[in-house]
PDB file of N, CA and C in Angstrom:
ATOM      1  N   MET A   1       0.831  -1.176   0.000  1.00  0.00           N
ATOM      2  CA  MET A   1       0.000   0.000   0.000  1.00  0.00           C
ATOM      3  C   MET A   1       0.884   1.250   0.000  1.00  0.00           C
ATOM      4  N   VAL A   2       0.593   2.171  -0.885  1.00  0.00           N
ATOM      5  CA  VAL A   2       1.365   3.393  -0.993  1.00  0.00           C
ATOM      6  C   VAL A   2       0.701   4.471  -0.152  1.00  0.00           C
ATOM      7  N   THR A   3       1.484   5.170   0.644  1.00  0.00           N
ATOM      8  CA  THR A   3       0.939   6.263   1.439  1.00  0.00           C
ATOM      9  C   THR A   3       1.560   7.573   0.972  1.00  0.00           C
ATOM     10  N   MET A   4       0.768   8.634   1.053  1.00  0.00           N
ATOM     11  CA  MET A   4       1.243   9.956   0.655  1.00  0.00           C
ATOM     12  C   MET A   4       1.053  10.914   1.811  1.00  0.00           C
ATOM     13  N   ASN A   5       1.986  11.824   1.927  1.00  0.00           N
ATOM     14  CA  ASN A   5       1.789  12.864   2.932  1.00  0.00           C
ATOM     15  C   ASN A   5       0.868  13.939   2.362  1.00  0.00           C
ATOM     16  N   ALA A   6       0.474  14.888   3.177  1.00  0.00           N
ATOM     17  CA  ALA A   6      -0.500  15.905   2.769  1.00  0.00           C
ATOM     18  C   ALA A   6       0.003  16.748   1.605  1.00  0.00           C
ATOM     19  N   ALA A   7       1.289  17.081   1.604  1.00  0.00           N
ATOM     20  CA  ALA A   7       1.844  17.907   0.520  1.00  0.00           C
ATOM     21  C   ALA A   7       1.784  17.157  -0.812  1.00  0.00           C
ATOM     22  N   ALA A   8       2.055  15.874  -0.792  1.00  0.00           N
ATOM     23  CA  ALA A   8       2.006  15.080  -2.020  1.00  0.00           C
ATOM     24  C   ALA A   8       0.583  14.969  -2.546  1.00  0.00           C
ATOM     25  N   ARG A   9      -0.392  14.817  -1.646  1.00  0.00           N
ATOM     26  CA  ARG A   9      -1.789  14.736  -2.078  1.00  0.00           C
ATOM     27  C   ARG A   9      -2.245  16.042  -2.713  1.00  0.00           C
ATOM     28  N   ARG A  10      -1.848  17.177  -2.108  1.00  0.00           N
ATOM     29  CA  ARG A  10      -2.210  18.478  -2.677  1.00  0.00           C
ATOM     30  C   ARG A  10      -1.595  18.659  -4.056  1.00  0.00           C
ATOM     31  N   THR A  11      -0.344  18.276  -4.213  1.00  0.00           N
ATOM     32  CA  THR A  11       0.333  18.405  -5.502  1.00  0.00           C
ATOM     33  C   THR A  11      -0.346  17.544  -6.555  1.00  0.00           C
ATOM     34  N   LEU A  12      -0.676  16.321  -6.196  1.00  0.00           N
ATOM     35  CA  LEU A  12      -1.331  15.418  -7.134  1.00  0.00           C
ATOM     36  C   LEU A  12      -2.710  15.934  -7.514  1.00  0.00           C
ATOM     37  N   SER A  13      -3.476  16.398  -6.531  1.00  0.00           N
ATOM     38  CA  SER A  13      -4.821  16.874  -6.844  1.00  0.00           C
ATOM     39  C   SER A  13      -4.778  18.156  -7.667  1.00  0.00           C
ATOM     40  N   ALA A  14      -3.739  18.976  -7.502  1.00  0.00           N
ATOM     41  CA  ALA A  14      -3.621  20.206  -8.293  1.00  0.00           C
ATOM     42  C   ALA A  14      -3.316  19.889  -9.746  1.00  0.00           C
ATOM     43  N   ARG A  15      -2.631  18.767  -9.998  1.00  0.00           N
ATOM     44  CA  ARG A  15      -2.276  18.392 -11.367  1.00  0.00           C
ATOM     45  C   ARG A  15      -3.367  17.595 -12.072  1.00  0.00           C
ATOM     46  N   THR A  16      -4.258  17.022 -11.318  1.00  0.00           N
ATOM     47  CA  THR A  16      -5.289  16.171 -11.904  1.00  0.00           C
ATOM     48  C   THR A  16      -6.386  17.046 -12.502  1.00  0.00           C
ATOM     49  N   PRO A  17      -6.546  17.028 -13.848  1.00  0.00           N
ATOM     50  CA  PRO A  17      -7.532  17.915 -14.464  1.00  0.00           C
ATOM     51  C   PRO A  17      -8.967  17.550 -14.131  1.00  0.00           C
ATOM     52  N   SER A  18      -9.239  16.291 -13.833  1.00  0.00           N
ATOM     53  CA  SER A  18     -10.624  15.902 -13.573  1.00  0.00           C
ATOM     54  C   SER A  18     -11.182  16.560 -12.314  1.00  0.00           C
ATOM     55  N   CYS A  19     -10.319  16.945 -11.406  1.00  0.00           N
ATOM     56  CA  CYS A  19     -10.776  17.602 -10.181  1.00  0.00           C
ATOM     57  C   CYS A  19     -11.245  19.029 -10.457  1.00  0.00           C
ATOM     58  N   ARG A  20     -10.668  19.644 -11.446  1.00  0.00           N
ATOM     59  CA  ARG A  20     -10.972  21.040 -11.708  1.00  0.00           C
ATOM     60  C   ARG A  20     -11.952  21.245 -12.849  1.00  0.00           C
ATOM     61  N   THR A  21     -11.998  20.343 -13.778  1.00  0.00           N
ATOM     62  CA  THR A  21     -12.851  20.536 -14.956  1.00  0.00           C
ATOM     63  C   THR A  21     -13.923  19.455 -15.001  1.00  0.00           C
ATOM     64  N   ARG A  22     -14.903  19.643 -14.183  1.00  0.00           N
ATOM     65  CA  ARG A  22     -16.030  18.696 -14.198  1.00  0.00           C
ATOM     66  C   ARG A  22     -17.104  19.228 -15.109  1.00  0.00           C
ATOM     67  N   SER A  23     -17.700  18.337 -15.843  1.00  0.00           N
ATOM     68  CA  SER A  23     -18.795  18.771 -16.705  1.00  0.00           C
ATOM     69  C   SER A  23     -20.019  19.028 -15.831  1.00  0.00           C
ATOM     70  N   PRO A  24     -20.821  20.026 -16.194  1.00  0.00           N
ATOM     71  CA  PRO A  24     -21.999  20.327 -15.366  1.00  0.00           C
ATOM     72  C   PRO A  24     -22.984  19.163 -15.385  1.00  0.00           C
ATOM     73  N   ARG A  25     -23.636  18.983 -14.240  1.00  0.00           N
ATOM     74  CA  ARG A  25     -24.640  17.922 -14.157  1.00  0.00           C
ATOM     75  C   ARG A  25     -25.830  18.282 -15.022  1.00  0.00           C
ATOM     76  N   PRO A  26     -26.428  17.293 -15.661  1.00  0.00           N
ATOM     77  CA  PRO A  26     -27.638  17.601 -16.431  1.00  0.00           C
ATOM     78  C   PRO A  26     -28.756  18.037 -15.496  1.00  0.00           C
ATOM     79  N   GLU A  27     -29.560  18.941 -15.972  1.00  0.00           N
ATOM     80  CA  GLU A  27     -30.640  19.468 -15.157  1.00  0.00           C
ATOM     81  C   GLU A  27     -31.722  18.412 -14.978  1.00  0.00           C
ATOM     82  N   ARG A  28     -32.180  18.262 -13.751  1.00  0.00           N
ATOM     83  CA  ARG A  28     -33.219  17.274 -13.460  1.00  0.00           C
ATOM     84  C   ARG A  28     -34.596  17.882 -13.678  1.00  0.00           C
ATOM     85  N   GLU A  29     -35.535  17.027 -13.973  1.00  0.00           N
ATOM     86  CA  GLU A  29     -36.939  17.407 -14.070  1.00  0.00           C
ATOM     87  C   GLU A  29     -37.689  16.662 -12.971  1.00  0.00           C
ATOM     88  N   PRO A  30     -38.711  17.295 -12.389  1.00  0.00           N
ATOM     89  CA  PRO A  30     -39.450  16.614 -11.318  1.00  0.00           C
ATOM     90  C   PRO A  30     -40.205  15.398 -11.842  1.00  0.00           C
ATOM     91  N   SER A  31     -40.231  14.354 -11.035  1.00  0.00           N
ATOM     92  CA  SER A  31     -41.028  13.181 -11.376  1.00  0.00           C
ATOM     93  C   SER A  31     -42.505  13.543 -11.229  1.00  0.00           C
ATOM     94  N   ASP A  32     -43.374  12.664 -11.685  1.00  0.00           N
ATOM     95  CA  ASP A  32     -44.809  12.917 -11.559  1.00  0.00           C
ATOM     96  C   ASP A  32     -45.219  13.078 -10.099  1.00  0.00           C
ATOM     97  N   MET A  33     -44.642  12.256  -9.224  1.00  0.00           N
ATOM     98  CA  MET A  33     -44.993  12.325  -7.813  1.00  0.00           C
ATOM     99  C   MET A  33     -44.492  13.642  -7.209  1.00  0.00           C
ATOM    100  N   ALA A  34     -43.267  14.039  -7.545  1.00  0.00           N
ATOM    101  CA  ALA A  34     -42.736  15.313  -7.040  1.00  0.00           C
ATOM    102  C   ALA A  34     -43.553  16.476  -7.587  1.00  0.00           C
ATOM    103  N   ASN A  35     -43.945  16.394  -8.845  1.00  0.00           N
ATOM    104  CA  ASN A  35     -44.759  17.439  -9.459  1.00  0.00           C
ATOM    105  C   ASN A  35     -46.091  17.584  -8.726  1.00  0.00           C
ATOM    106  N   GLU A  36     -46.752  16.479  -8.438  1.00  0.00           N
ATOM    107  CA  GLU A  36     -48.028  16.523  -7.715  1.00  0.00           C
ATOM    108  C   GLU A  36     -47.851  17.134  -6.327  1.00  0.00           C
ATOM    109  N   MET A  37     -46.767  16.771  -5.656  1.00  0.00           N
ATOM    110  CA  MET A  37     -46.524  17.287  -4.315  1.00  0.00           C
ATOM    111  C   MET A  37     -46.241  18.790  -4.365  1.00  0.00           C
ATOM    112  N   LEU A  38     -45.447  19.241  -5.322  1.00  0.00           N
ATOM    113  CA  LEU A  38     -45.158  20.668  -5.451  1.00  0.00           C
ATOM    114  C   LEU A  38     -46.425  21.462  -5.735  1.00  0.00           C
ATOM    115  N   VAL A  39     -47.266  20.951  -6.611  1.00  0.00           N
ATOM    116  CA  VAL A  39     -48.523  21.637  -6.930  1.00  0.00           C
ATOM    117  C   VAL A  39     -49.400  21.707  -5.689  1.00  0.00           C
ATOM    118  N   ARG A  40     -49.442  20.638  -4.933  1.00  0.00           N
ATOM    119  CA  ARG A  40     -50.243  20.605  -3.707  1.00  0.00           C
ATOM    120  C   ARG A  40     -49.729  21.635  -2.698  1.00  0.00           C
ATOM    121  N   ILE A  41     -48.424  21.711  -2.536  1.00  0.00           N
ATOM    122  CA  ILE A  41     -47.824  22.666  -1.603  1.00  0.00           C
ATOM    123  C   ILE A  41     -48.125  24.097  -2.024  1.00  0.00           C
ATOM    124  N   ILE A  42     -47.983  24.382  -3.310  1.00  0.00           N
ATOM    125  CA  ILE A  42     -48.213  25.745  -3.803  1.00  0.00           C
ATOM    126  C   ILE A  42     -49.672  26.142  -3.636  1.00  0.00           C
ATOM    127  N   TYR A  43     -50.593  25.233  -3.916  1.00  0.00           N
ATOM    128  CA  TYR A  43     -52.002  25.551  -3.700  1.00  0.00           C
ATOM    129  C   TYR A  43     -52.315  25.689  -2.222  1.00  0.00           C
ATOM    130  N   GLY A  44     -51.621  24.952  -1.367  1.00  0.00           N
ATOM    131  CA  GLY A  44     -51.779  25.141   0.070  1.00  0.00           C
ATOM    132  C   GLY A  44     -51.337  26.537   0.486  1.00  0.00           C
ATOM    133  N   LEU A  45     -50.194  26.979  -0.052  1.00  0.00           N
ATOM    134  CA  LEU A  45     -49.720  28.335   0.247  1.00  0.00           C
ATOM    135  C   LEU A  45     -50.681  29.390  -0.295  1.00  0.00           C
ATOM    136  N   SER A  46     -51.351  29.085  -1.394  1.00  0.00           N
ATOM    137  CA  SER A  46     -52.300  30.029  -1.986  1.00  0.00           C
ATOM    138  C   SER A  46     -53.509  30.263  -1.097  1.00  0.00           C
ATOM    139  N   THR A  47     -53.760  29.347  -0.149  1.00  0.00           N
ATOM    140  CA  THR A  47     -54.912  29.528   0.742  1.00  0.00           C
ATOM    141  C   THR A  47     -54.640  30.587   1.805  1.00  0.00           C
ATOM    142  N   CYS A  48     -53.362  30.881   2.069  1.00  0.00           N
ATOM    143  CA  CYS A  48     -53.057  31.864   3.124  1.00  0.00           C
ATOM    144  C   CYS A  48     -52.641  33.213   2.562  1.00  0.00           C
ATOM    145  N   CYS A  49     -52.285  33.278   1.307  1.00  0.00           N
ATOM    146  CA  CYS A  49     -51.859  34.559   0.730  1.00  0.00           C
ATOM    147  C   CYS A  49     -52.176  34.579  -0.761  1.00  0.00           C
ATOM    148  N   THR A  50     -52.200  35.768  -1.303  1.00  0.00           N
ATOM    149  CA  THR A  50     -52.481  35.938  -2.718  1.00  0.00           C
ATOM    150  C   THR A  50     -51.187  35.782  -3.498  1.00  0.00           C
ATOM    151  N   LEU A  51     -51.166  34.834  -4.412  1.00  0.00           N
ATOM    152  CA  LEU A  51     -49.988  34.585  -5.229  1.00  0.00           C
ATOM    153  C   LEU A  51     -50.318  34.799  -6.693  1.00  0.00           C
ATOM    154  N   SER A  52     -49.456  35.523  -7.391  1.00  0.00           N
ATOM    155  CA  SER A  52     -49.639  35.724  -8.829  1.00  0.00           C
ATOM    156  C   SER A  52     -49.192  34.471  -9.580  1.00  0.00           C
ATOM    157  N   ILE A  53     -49.442  34.458 -10.866  1.00  0.00           N
ATOM    158  CA  ILE A  53     -49.013  33.327 -11.689  1.00  0.00           C
ATOM    159  C   ILE A  53     -47.497  33.208 -11.657  1.00  0.00           C
ATOM    160  N   LEU A  54     -46.807  34.347 -11.722  1.00  0.00           N
ATOM    161  CA  LEU A  54     -45.341  34.313 -11.664  1.00  0.00           C
ATOM    162  C   LEU A  54     -44.858  33.821 -10.302  1.00  0.00           C
ATOM    163  N   ASP A  55     -45.565  34.181  -9.225  1.00  0.00           N
ATOM    164  CA  ASP A  55     -45.229  33.653  -7.897  1.00  0.00           C
ATOM    165  C   ASP A  55     -45.331  32.132  -7.887  1.00  0.00           C
ATOM    166  N   HIS A  56     -46.385  31.608  -8.486  1.00  0.00           N
ATOM    167  CA  HIS A  56     -46.562  30.149  -8.569  1.00  0.00           C
ATOM    168  C   HIS A  56     -45.380  29.514  -9.297  1.00  0.00           C
ATOM    169  N   GLN A  57     -44.985  30.110 -10.413  1.00  0.00           N
ATOM    170  CA  GLN A  57     -43.881  29.553 -11.207  1.00  0.00           C
ATOM    171  C   GLN A  57     -42.561  29.632 -10.452  1.00  0.00           C
ATOM    172  N   VAL A  58     -42.308  30.772  -9.815  1.00  0.00           N
ATOM    173  CA  VAL A  58     -41.079  30.927  -9.037  1.00  0.00           C
ATOM    174  C   VAL A  58     -41.051  29.914  -7.901  1.00  0.00           C
ATOM    175  N   LEU A  59     -42.165  29.776  -7.184  1.00  0.00           N
ATOM    176  CA  LEU A  59     -42.236  28.807  -6.089  1.00  0.00           C
ATOM    177  C   LEU A  59     -42.009  27.385  -6.575  1.00  0.00           C
ATOM    178  N   TYR A  60     -42.585  27.037  -7.701  1.00  0.00           N
ATOM    179  CA  TYR A  60     -42.450  25.680  -8.235  1.00  0.00           C
ATOM    180  C   TYR A  60     -40.975  25.329  -8.420  1.00  0.00           C
ATOM    181  N   HIS A  61     -40.251  26.192  -9.101  1.00  0.00           N
ATOM    182  CA  HIS A  61     -38.839  25.918  -9.366  1.00  0.00           C
ATOM    183  C   HIS A  61     -38.003  26.008  -8.094  1.00  0.00           C
ATOM    184  N   PHE A  62     -38.297  26.996  -7.251  1.00  0.00           N
ATOM    185  CA  PHE A  62     -37.535  27.184  -6.021  1.00  0.00           C
ATOM    186  C   PHE A  62     -37.753  26.021  -5.059  1.00  0.00           C
ATOM    187  N   LEU A  63     -39.002  25.599  -4.881  1.00  0.00           N
ATOM    188  CA  LEU A  63     -39.285  24.492  -3.966  1.00  0.00           C
ATOM    189  C   LEU A  63     -38.759  23.161  -4.492  1.00  0.00           C
ATOM    190  N   PHE A  64     -38.590  23.056  -5.798  1.00  0.00           N
ATOM    191  CA  PHE A  64     -37.981  21.852  -6.364  1.00  0.00           C
ATOM    192  C   PHE A  64     -36.498  21.796  -6.027  1.00  0.00           C
ATOM    193  N   GLY A  65     -35.926  22.936  -5.684  1.00  0.00           N
ATOM    194  CA  GLY A  65     -34.530  22.948  -5.279  1.00  0.00           C
ATOM    195  C   GLY A  65     -33.615  23.739  -6.187  1.00  0.00           C
ATOM    196  N   ARG A  66     -34.180  24.402  -7.156  1.00  0.00           N
ATOM    197  CA  ARG A  66     -33.360  25.183  -8.068  1.00  0.00           C
ATOM    198  C   ARG A  66     -32.957  26.502  -7.410  1.00  0.00           C
ATOM    199  N   SER A  67     -31.808  26.992  -7.793  1.00  0.00           N
ATOM    200  CA  SER A  67     -31.321  28.273  -7.272  1.00  0.00           C
ATOM    201  C   SER A  67     -32.109  29.415  -7.902  1.00  0.00           C
ATOM    202  N   ALA A  68     -31.954  30.586  -7.321  1.00  0.00           N
ATOM    203  CA  ALA A  68     -32.619  31.770  -7.874  1.00  0.00           C
ATOM    204  C   ALA A  68     -32.095  32.054  -9.276  1.00  0.00           C
ATOM    205  N   GLU A  69     -30.806  31.833  -9.486  1.00  0.00           N
ATOM    206  CA  GLU A  69     -30.216  32.067 -10.806  1.00  0.00           C
ATOM    207  C   GLU A  69     -30.823  31.129 -11.850  1.00  0.00           C
ATOM    208  N   LEU A  70     -30.884  29.843 -11.541  1.00  0.00           N
ATOM    209  CA  LEU A  70     -31.432  28.869 -12.486  1.00  0.00           C
ATOM    210  C   LEU A  70     -32.933  29.070 -12.678  1.00  0.00           C
ATOM    211  N   THR A  71     -33.637  29.416 -11.612  1.00  0.00           N
ATOM    212  CA  THR A  71     -35.071  29.702 -11.709  1.00  0.00           C
ATOM    213  C   THR A  71     -35.311  30.873 -12.651  1.00  0.00           C
ATOM    214  N   GLY A  72     -34.517  31.921 -12.494  1.00  0.00           N
ATOM    215  CA  GLY A  72     -34.636  33.081 -13.369  1.00  0.00           C
ATOM    216  C   GLY A  72     -34.352  32.739 -14.819  1.00  0.00           C
ATOM    217  N   ARG A  73     -33.313  31.940 -15.043  1.00  0.00           N
ATOM    218  CA  ARG A  73     -32.993  31.534 -16.416  1.00  0.00           C
ATOM    219  C   ARG A  73     -34.137  30.741 -17.038  1.00  0.00           C
ATOM    220  N   ARG A  74     -34.711  29.833 -16.262  1.00  0.00           N
ATOM    221  CA  ARG A  74     -35.808  29.010 -16.786  1.00  0.00           C
ATOM    222  C   ARG A  74     -37.055  29.826 -17.098  1.00  0.00           C
ATOM    223  N   LEU A  75     -37.314  30.868 -16.297  1.00  0.00           N
ATOM    224  CA  LEU A  75     -38.524  31.671 -16.482  1.00  0.00           C
ATOM    225  C   LEU A  75     -38.286  32.892 -17.361  1.00  0.00           C
ATOM    226  N   GLY A  76     -37.040  33.141 -17.723  1.00  0.00           N
ATOM    227  CA  GLY A  76     -36.733  34.287 -18.569  1.00  0.00           C
ATOM    228  C   GLY A  76     -36.802  35.612 -17.829  1.00  0.00           C
ATOM    229  N   ILE A  77     -36.496  35.583 -16.529  1.00  0.00           N
ATOM    230  CA  ILE A  77     -36.478  36.810 -15.732  1.00  0.00           C
ATOM    231  C   ILE A  77     -35.133  36.905 -15.029  1.00  0.00           C
ATOM    232  N   ARG A  78     -34.837  38.074 -14.477  1.00  0.00           N
ATOM    233  CA  ARG A  78     -33.568  38.267 -13.789  1.00  0.00           C
ATOM    234  C   ARG A  78     -33.574  37.596 -12.425  1.00  0.00           C
ATOM    235  N   GLU A  79     -32.399  37.255 -11.958  1.00  0.00           N
ATOM    236  CA  GLU A  79     -32.250  36.644 -10.637  1.00  0.00           C
ATOM    237  C   GLU A  79     -32.779  37.579  -9.544  1.00  0.00           C
ATOM    238  N   ALA A  80     -32.570  38.883  -9.716  1.00  0.00           N
ATOM    239  CA  ALA A  80     -33.060  39.863  -8.742  1.00  0.00           C
ATOM    240  C   ALA A  80     -34.587  39.841  -8.661  1.00  0.00           C
ATOM    241  N   THR A  81     -35.244  39.604  -9.790  1.00  0.00           N
ATOM    242  CA  THR A  81     -36.708  39.522  -9.800  1.00  0.00           C
ATOM    243  C   THR A  81     -37.170  38.290  -9.028  1.00  0.00           C
ATOM    244  N   VAL A  82     -36.467  37.183  -9.209  1.00  0.00           N
ATOM    245  CA  VAL A  82     -36.788  35.959  -8.461  1.00  0.00           C
ATOM    246  C   VAL A  82     -36.638  36.229  -6.972  1.00  0.00           C
ATOM    247  N   ASP A  83     -35.529  36.865  -6.584  1.00  0.00           N
ATOM    248  CA  ASP A  83     -35.302  37.177  -5.170  1.00  0.00           C
ATOM    249  C   ASP A  83     -36.396  38.085  -4.610  1.00  0.00           C
ATOM    250  N   ARG A  84     -36.825  39.056  -5.397  1.00  0.00           N
ATOM    251  CA  ARG A  84     -37.878  39.973  -4.948  1.00  0.00           C
ATOM    252  C   ARG A  84     -39.193  39.214  -4.716  1.00  0.00           C
ATOM    253  N   HIS A  85     -39.541  38.321  -5.631  1.00  0.00           N
ATOM    254  CA  HIS A  85     -40.755  37.519  -5.450  1.00  0.00           C
ATOM    255  C   HIS A  85     -40.643  36.638  -4.209  1.00  0.00           C
ATOM    256  N   LEU A  86     -39.489  36.019  -4.016  1.00  0.00           N
ATOM    257  CA  LEU A  86     -39.311  35.145  -2.855  1.00  0.00           C
ATOM    258  C   LEU A  86     -39.380  35.923  -1.547  1.00  0.00           C
ATOM    259  N   ARG A  87     -38.779  37.112  -1.508  1.00  0.00           N
ATOM    260  CA  ARG A  87     -38.857  37.935  -0.295  1.00  0.00           C
ATOM    261  C   ARG A  87     -40.303  38.283   0.036  1.00  0.00           C
ATOM    262  N   ARG A  88     -41.072  38.649  -0.986  1.00  0.00           N
ATOM    263  CA  ARG A  88     -42.474  38.999  -0.764  1.00  0.00           C
ATOM    264  C   ARG A  88     -43.255  37.784  -0.258  1.00  0.00           C
ATOM    265  N   ILE A  89     -42.971  36.617  -0.835  1.00  0.00           N
ATOM    266  CA  ILE A  89     -43.654  35.389  -0.411  1.00  0.00           C
ATOM    267  C   ILE A  89     -43.286  35.047   1.028  1.00  0.00           C
ATOM    268  N   TYR A  90     -42.004  35.196   1.374  1.00  0.00           N
ATOM    269  CA  TYR A  90     -41.582  34.946   2.756  1.00  0.00           C
ATOM    270  C   TYR A  90     -42.308  35.867   3.734  1.00  0.00           C
ATOM    271  N   VAL A  91     -42.431  37.131   3.378  1.00  0.00           N
ATOM    272  CA  VAL A  91     -43.111  38.090   4.261  1.00  0.00           C
ATOM    273  C   VAL A  91     -44.584  37.711   4.412  1.00  0.00           C
ATOM    274  N   GLU A  92     -45.248  37.404   3.307  1.00  0.00           N
ATOM    275  CA  GLU A  92     -46.676  37.072   3.365  1.00  0.00           C
ATOM    276  C   GLU A  92     -46.942  35.789   4.129  1.00  0.00           C
ATOM    277  N   THR A  93     -46.053  34.808   4.010  1.00  0.00           N
ATOM    278  CA  THR A  93     -46.275  33.523   4.673  1.00  0.00           C
ATOM    279  C   THR A  93     -45.645  33.461   6.064  1.00  0.00           C
ATOM    280  N   ARG A  94     -44.881  34.514   6.407  1.00  0.00           N
ATOM    281  CA  ARG A  94     -44.178  34.576   7.692  1.00  0.00           C
ATOM    282  C   ARG A  94     -43.236  33.390   7.878  1.00  0.00           C
ATOM    283  N   THR A  95     -42.540  33.053   6.821  1.00  0.00           N
ATOM    284  CA  THR A  95     -41.518  32.012   6.870  1.00  0.00           C
ATOM    285  C   THR A  95     -40.195  32.650   6.472  1.00  0.00           C
ATOM    286  N   ASP A  96     -39.122  31.892   6.637  1.00  0.00           N
ATOM    287  CA  ASP A  96     -37.822  32.445   6.275  1.00  0.00           C
ATOM    288  C   ASP A  96     -36.910  31.432   5.591  1.00  0.00           C
ATOM    289  N   SER A  97     -37.483  30.321   5.141  1.00  0.00           N
ATOM    290  CA  SER A  97     -36.654  29.309   4.493  1.00  0.00           C
ATOM    291  C   SER A  97     -37.490  28.467   3.539  1.00  0.00           C
ATOM    292  N   ARG A  98     -36.794  27.747   2.691  1.00  0.00           N
ATOM    293  CA  ARG A  98     -37.448  26.827   1.760  1.00  0.00           C
ATOM    294  C   ARG A  98     -38.191  25.750   2.545  1.00  0.00           C
ATOM    295  N   ARG A  99     -37.542  25.254   3.573  1.00  0.00           N
ATOM    296  CA  ARG A  99     -38.173  24.225   4.404  1.00  0.00           C
ATOM    297  C   ARG A  99     -39.444  24.749   5.071  1.00  0.00           C
ATOM    298  N   GLY A 100     -39.399  25.999   5.552  1.00  0.00           N
ATOM    299  CA  GLY A 100     -40.583  26.598   6.166  1.00  0.00           C
ATOM    300  C   GLY A 100     -41.733  26.696   5.178  1.00  0.00           C
ATOM    301  N   LEU A 101     -41.420  27.076   3.944  1.00  0.00           N
ATOM    302  CA  LEU A 101     -42.463  27.140   2.906  1.00  0.00           C
ATOM    303  C   LEU A 101     -43.050  25.760   2.628  1.00  0.00           C
ATOM    304  N   LEU A 102     -42.187  24.749   2.547  1.00  0.00           N
ATOM    305  CA  LEU A 102     -42.659  23.381   2.290  1.00  0.00           C
ATOM    306  C   LEU A 102     -43.569  22.895   3.414  1.00  0.00           C
ATOM    307  N   GLU A 103     -43.138  23.100   4.651  1.00  0.00           N
ATOM    308  CA  GLU A 103     -43.934  22.631   5.790  1.00  0.00           C
ATOM    309  C   GLU A 103     -45.270  23.361   5.885  1.00  0.00           C
ATOM    310  N   LEU A 104     -45.248  24.683   5.706  1.00  0.00           N
ATOM    311  CA  LEU A 104     -46.485  25.461   5.770  1.00  0.00           C
ATOM    312  C   LEU A 104     -47.430  25.054   4.635  1.00  0.00           C
ATOM    313  N   GLY A 105     -46.898  24.902   3.439  1.00  0.00           N
ATOM    314  CA  GLY A 105     -47.726  24.517   2.299  1.00  0.00           C
ATOM    315  C   GLY A 105     -48.378  23.162   2.496  1.00  0.00           C
ATOM    316  N   LEU A 106     -47.628  22.207   3.005  1.00  0.00           N
ATOM    317  CA  LEU A 106     -48.202  20.873   3.262  1.00  0.00           C
ATOM    318  C   LEU A 106     -49.277  20.932   4.338  1.00  0.00           C
ATOM    319  N   ARG A 107     -48.989  21.683   5.405  1.00  0.00           N
ATOM    320  CA  ARG A 107     -49.969  21.795   6.503  1.00  0.00           C
ATOM    321  C   ARG A 107     -51.257  22.451   6.020  1.00  0.00           C
ATOM    322  N   LEU A 108     -51.138  23.529   5.239  1.00  0.00           N
ATOM    323  CA  LEU A 108     -52.329  24.219   4.737  1.00  0.00           C
ATOM    324  C   LEU A 108     -53.077  23.375   3.713  1.00  0.00           C
ATOM    325  N   ALA A 109     -52.352  22.646   2.888  1.00  0.00           N
ATOM    326  CA  ALA A 109     -53.000  21.776   1.902  1.00  0.00           C
ATOM    327  C   ALA A 109     -53.826  20.708   2.611  1.00  0.00           C
ATOM    328  N   LYS A 110     -53.259  20.140   3.666  1.00  0.00           N
ATOM    329  CA  LYS A 110     -53.982  19.119   4.428  1.00  0.00           C
ATOM    330  C   LYS A 110     -55.196  19.735   5.134  1.00  0.00           C
ATOM    331  N   GLN A 111     -54.984  20.900   5.724  1.00  0.00           N
ATOM    332  CA  GLN A 111     -56.062  21.573   6.458  1.00  0.00           C
ATOM    333  C   GLN A 111     -57.224  21.934   5.544  1.00  0.00           C
ATOM    334  N   HIS A 112     -56.940  22.353   4.321  1.00  0.00           N
ATOM    335  CA  HIS A 112     -57.987  22.780   3.394  1.00  0.00           C
ATOM    336  C   HIS A 112     -58.417  21.671   2.433  1.00  0.00           C
ATOM    337  N   GLY A 113     -57.892  20.481   2.643  1.00  0.00           N
ATOM    338  CA  GLY A 113     -58.313  19.343   1.823  1.00  0.00           C
ATOM    339  C   GLY A 113     -57.875  19.430   0.370  1.00  0.00           C
ATOM    340  N   VAL A 114     -56.743  20.073   0.113  1.00  0.00           N
ATOM    341  CA  VAL A 114     -56.241  20.154  -1.258  1.00  0.00           C
ATOM    342  C   VAL A 114     -55.562  18.838  -1.579  1.00  0.00           C
ATOM    343  N   THR A 115     -56.063  18.182  -2.587  1.00  0.00           N
ATOM    344  CA  THR A 115     -55.457  16.941  -3.052  1.00  0.00           C
ATOM    345  C   THR A 115     -54.872  17.197  -4.435  1.00  0.00           C
ATOM    346  N   PRO A 116     -53.943  16.368  -4.881  1.00  0.00           N
ATOM    347  CA  PRO A 116     -53.368  16.569  -6.196  1.00  0.00           C
ATOM    348  C   PRO A 116     -54.401  16.633  -7.318  1.00  0.00           C
ATOM    349  N   ALA A 117     -55.472  15.878  -7.199  1.00  0.00           N
ATOM    350  CA  ALA A 117     -56.502  15.894  -8.243  1.00  0.00           C
ATOM    351  C   ALA A 117     -57.214  17.250  -8.266  1.00  0.00           C
ATOM    352  N   LEU A 118     -57.438  17.850  -7.080  1.00  0.00           N
ATOM    353  CA  LEU A 118     -58.090  19.157  -7.024  1.00  0.00           C
ATOM    354  C   LEU A 118     -57.156  20.263  -7.484  1.00  0.00           C
ATOM    355  N   ALA A 119     -55.860  20.100  -7.208  1.00  0.00           N
ATOM    356  CA  ALA A 119     -54.896  21.140  -7.521  1.00  0.00           C
ATOM    357  C   ALA A 119     -54.627  21.234  -9.013  1.00  0.00           C
ATOM    358  N   ALA A 120     -54.763  20.169  -9.729  1.00  0.00           N
ATOM    359  CA  ALA A 120     -54.444  20.162 -11.155  1.00  0.00           C
ATOM    360  C   ALA A 120     -55.504  20.804 -11.931  1.00  0.00           C
TER     361      ALA A 120
END
């Protein structure tokens, strides 16, 4: 077994091109089940605050896990616009995180009887 000290590992990793030049991961699309759940969450959030169509679209991509930059690119709007919509949604829902939005949306969807069939 060959052992390397820390300096040798750093030198080797600096020379290895695969560490620095990784191809970007292909963009994922939500499965049918994830899509139904996201729609249910967004309609649950709609029961507590007024959301525009663009708010719905921003929430869909954001709650799926996309960054504000990627969400903006997908919707054809600036990243700053995505951030502005998210800030307004956070204020209206009194949450401060993606997880808070997910939990509140699920709770409200259950409370108001929103099912995936009704949300579609």
